[in-house]
């Protein structure tokens, strides 16, 4: 694993945590259900970044989550939450 990949994994985790915090604070102020879905999507991205960062150090995690069905499923969940957050009702 090269240095750029390690940086991108850690950056994904950090940026998604920042976006989750901002959207969660926004949700707590306005109580808009759309912001709740957006917050959950950013939280899911944070979990994904955490798992990908953990895979740097733990080989069993790396083999289980490298372009596997679980990772692709998590991406679909994140996309669905973002869609629910921005879709007009």
C-alpha atoms as a PDB file:
ATOM      1  CA  UNK A   1       0.000   0.000   0.000  1.00  0.00           C
ATOM      2  CA  UNK A   2       1.496   3.309  -1.028  1.00  0.00           C
ATOM      3  CA  UNK A   3       1.537   6.567   0.904  1.00  0.00           C
ATOM      4  CA  UNK A   4      -1.131   8.211  -1.246  1.00  0.00           C
ATOM      5  CA  UNK A   5      -3.621   5.431  -0.532  1.00  0.00           C
ATOM      6  CA  UNK A   6      -2.949   5.659   3.208  1.00  0.00           C
ATOM      7  CA  UNK A   7      -3.396   9.428   3.096  1.00  0.00           C
ATOM      8  CA  UNK A   8      -6.672   9.157   1.160  1.00  0.00           C
ATOM      9  CA  UNK A   9      -8.088   6.575   3.580  1.00  0.00           C
ATOM     10  CA  UNK A  10      -7.304   8.719   6.609  1.00  0.00           C
ATOM     11  CA  UNK A  11      -8.469  11.899   4.832  1.00  0.00           C
ATOM     12  CA  UNK A  12     -11.801  10.238   3.959  1.00  0.00           C
ATOM     13  CA  UNK A  13     -12.307   9.375   7.604  1.00  0.00           C
ATOM     14  CA  UNK A  14     -11.404  12.844   8.874  1.00  0.00           C
ATOM     15  CA  UNK A  15     -13.415  14.764   6.281  1.00  0.00           C
ATOM     16  CA  UNK A  16     -16.503  12.612   6.765  1.00  0.00           C
ATOM     17  CA  UNK A  17     -16.262  13.064  10.536  1.00  0.00           C
ATOM     18  CA  UNK A  18     -16.113  16.842  10.060  1.00  0.00           C
ATOM     19  CA  UNK A  19     -19.121  16.802   7.713  1.00  0.00           C
ATOM     20  CA  UNK A  20     -21.021  14.550  10.111  1.00  0.00           C
ATOM     21  CA  UNK A  21     -20.372  16.936  12.999  1.00  0.00           C
ATOM     22  CA  UNK A  22     -21.506  19.976  10.998  1.00  0.00           C
ATOM     23  CA  UNK A  23     -24.660  18.270   9.725  1.00  0.00           C
ATOM     24  CA  UNK A  24     -25.496  16.837  13.172  1.00  0.00           C
ATOM     25  CA  UNK A  25     -25.189  20.291  14.750  1.00  0.00           C
ATOM     26  CA  UNK A  26     -27.375  21.713  11.981  1.00  0.00           C
ATOM     27  CA  UNK A  27     -29.957  18.983  12.563  1.00  0.00           C
ATOM     28  CA  UNK A  28     -30.008  19.655  16.301  1.00  0.00           C
ATOM     29  CA  UNK A  29     -30.756  23.322  15.631  1.00  0.00           C
ATOM     30  CA  UNK A  30     -33.466  23.057  12.978  1.00  0.00           C
ATOM     31  CA  UNK A  31     -34.807  19.477  13.439  1.00  0.00           C
ATOM     32  CA  UNK A  32     -35.199  18.938   9.699  1.00  0.00           C
ATOM     33  CA  UNK A  33     -35.538  15.249   8.795  1.00  0.00           C
ATOM     34  CA  UNK A  34     -33.536  15.795   5.606  1.00  0.00           C
ATOM     35  CA  UNK A  35     -30.563  16.837   7.700  1.00  0.00           C
ATOM     36  CA  UNK A  36     -30.969  13.676   9.746  1.00  0.00           C
ATOM     37  CA  UNK A  37     -30.558  11.516   6.616  1.00  0.00           C
ATOM     38  CA  UNK A  38     -27.572  13.588   5.508  1.00  0.00           C
ATOM     39  CA  UNK A  39     -26.009  13.220   8.974  1.00  0.00           C
ATOM     40  CA  UNK A  40     -26.524   9.459   8.868  1.00  0.00           C
ATOM     41  CA  UNK A  41     -24.915   9.310   5.422  1.00  0.00           C
ATOM     42  CA  UNK A  42     -21.839  11.191   6.633  1.00  0.00           C
ATOM     43  CA  UNK A  43     -21.708   8.950   9.713  1.00  0.00           C
ATOM     44  CA  UNK A  44     -21.745   5.921   7.399  1.00  0.00           C
ATOM     45  CA  UNK A  45     -18.907   7.442   5.380  1.00  0.00           C
ATOM     46  CA  UNK A  46     -17.004   7.908   8.639  1.00  0.00           C
ATOM     47  CA  UNK A  47     -17.517   4.240   9.526  1.00  0.00           C
ATOM     48  CA  UNK A  48     -16.309   3.263   6.070  1.00  0.00           C
ATOM     49  CA  UNK A  49     -13.233   5.482   6.462  1.00  0.00           C
ATOM     50  CA  UNK A  50     -12.585   4.005   9.891  1.00  0.00           C
ATOM     51  CA  UNK A  51     -12.732   0.466   8.521  1.00  0.00           C
ATOM     52  CA  UNK A  52     -10.496   1.372   5.576  1.00  0.00           C
ATOM     53  CA  UNK A  53      -8.014   3.032   7.931  1.00  0.00           C
ATOM     54  CA  UNK A  54      -8.098   0.042  10.262  1.00  0.00           C
ATOM     55  CA  UNK A  55      -7.340  -2.156   7.253  1.00  0.00           C
ATOM     56  CA  UNK A  56      -3.940  -0.461   7.025  1.00  0.00           C
ATOM     57  CA  UNK A  57      -2.900  -2.134  10.270  1.00  0.00           C
ATOM     58  CA  UNK A  58      -4.988  -5.330  10.382  1.00  0.00           C
ATOM     59  CA  UNK A  59      -4.568  -7.706   7.433  1.00  0.00           C
ATOM     60  CA  UNK A  60      -7.790  -9.622   8.110  1.00  0.00           C
ATOM     61  CA  UNK A  61      -9.791  -6.385   7.840  1.00  0.00           C
ATOM     62  CA  UNK A  62      -7.949  -5.469   4.653  1.00  0.00           C
ATOM     63  CA  UNK A  63      -8.784  -8.772   2.984  1.00  0.00           C
ATOM     64  CA  UNK A  64     -12.426  -8.624   4.106  1.00  0.00           C
ATOM     65  CA  UNK A  65     -13.112  -5.056   2.972  1.00  0.00           C
ATOM     66  CA  UNK A  66     -11.146  -4.561  -0.225  1.00  0.00           C
ATOM     67  CA  UNK A  67     -13.841  -3.988  -2.873  1.00  0.00           C
ATOM     68  CA  UNK A  68     -16.032  -6.612  -1.270  1.00  0.00           C
ATOM     69  CA  UNK A  69     -19.795  -6.904  -1.273  1.00  0.00           C
ATOM     70  CA  UNK A  70     -19.877  -5.309   2.186  1.00  0.00           C
ATOM     71  CA  UNK A  71     -18.076  -2.179   0.963  1.00  0.00           C
ATOM     72  CA  UNK A  72     -20.273  -1.910  -2.119  1.00  0.00           C
ATOM     73  CA  UNK A  73     -23.369  -2.416   0.039  1.00  0.00           C
ATOM     74  CA  UNK A  74     -22.227   0.347   2.371  1.00  0.00           C
ATOM     75  CA  UNK A  75     -21.782   2.656  -0.623  1.00  0.00           C
ATOM     76  CA  UNK A  76     -25.349   1.942  -1.735  1.00  0.00           C
ATOM     77  CA  UNK A  77     -26.630   2.658   1.780  1.00  0.00           C
ATOM     78  CA  UNK A  78     -24.768   5.965   1.832  1.00  0.00           C
ATOM     79  CA  UNK A  79     -26.142   6.949  -1.569  1.00  0.00           C
ATOM     80  CA  UNK A  80     -29.672   6.061  -0.481  1.00  0.00           C
ATOM     81  CA  UNK A  81     -29.359   8.185   2.672  1.00  0.00           C
ATOM     82  CA  UNK A  82     -28.054  11.143   0.689  1.00  0.00           C
ATOM     83  CA  UNK A  83     -30.914  10.739  -1.794  1.00  0.00           C
ATOM     84  CA  UNK A  84     -33.463  10.655   1.036  1.00  0.00           C
ATOM     85  CA  UNK A  85     -31.874  13.771   2.500  1.00  0.00           C
ATOM     86  CA  UNK A  86     -32.091  15.830  -0.669  1.00  0.00           C
ATOM     87  CA  UNK A  87     -35.161  14.405  -2.415  1.00  0.00           C
ATOM     88  CA  UNK A  88     -38.252  16.566  -2.371  1.00  0.00           C
ATOM     89  CA  UNK A  89     -41.295  15.045  -0.748  1.00  0.00           C
END
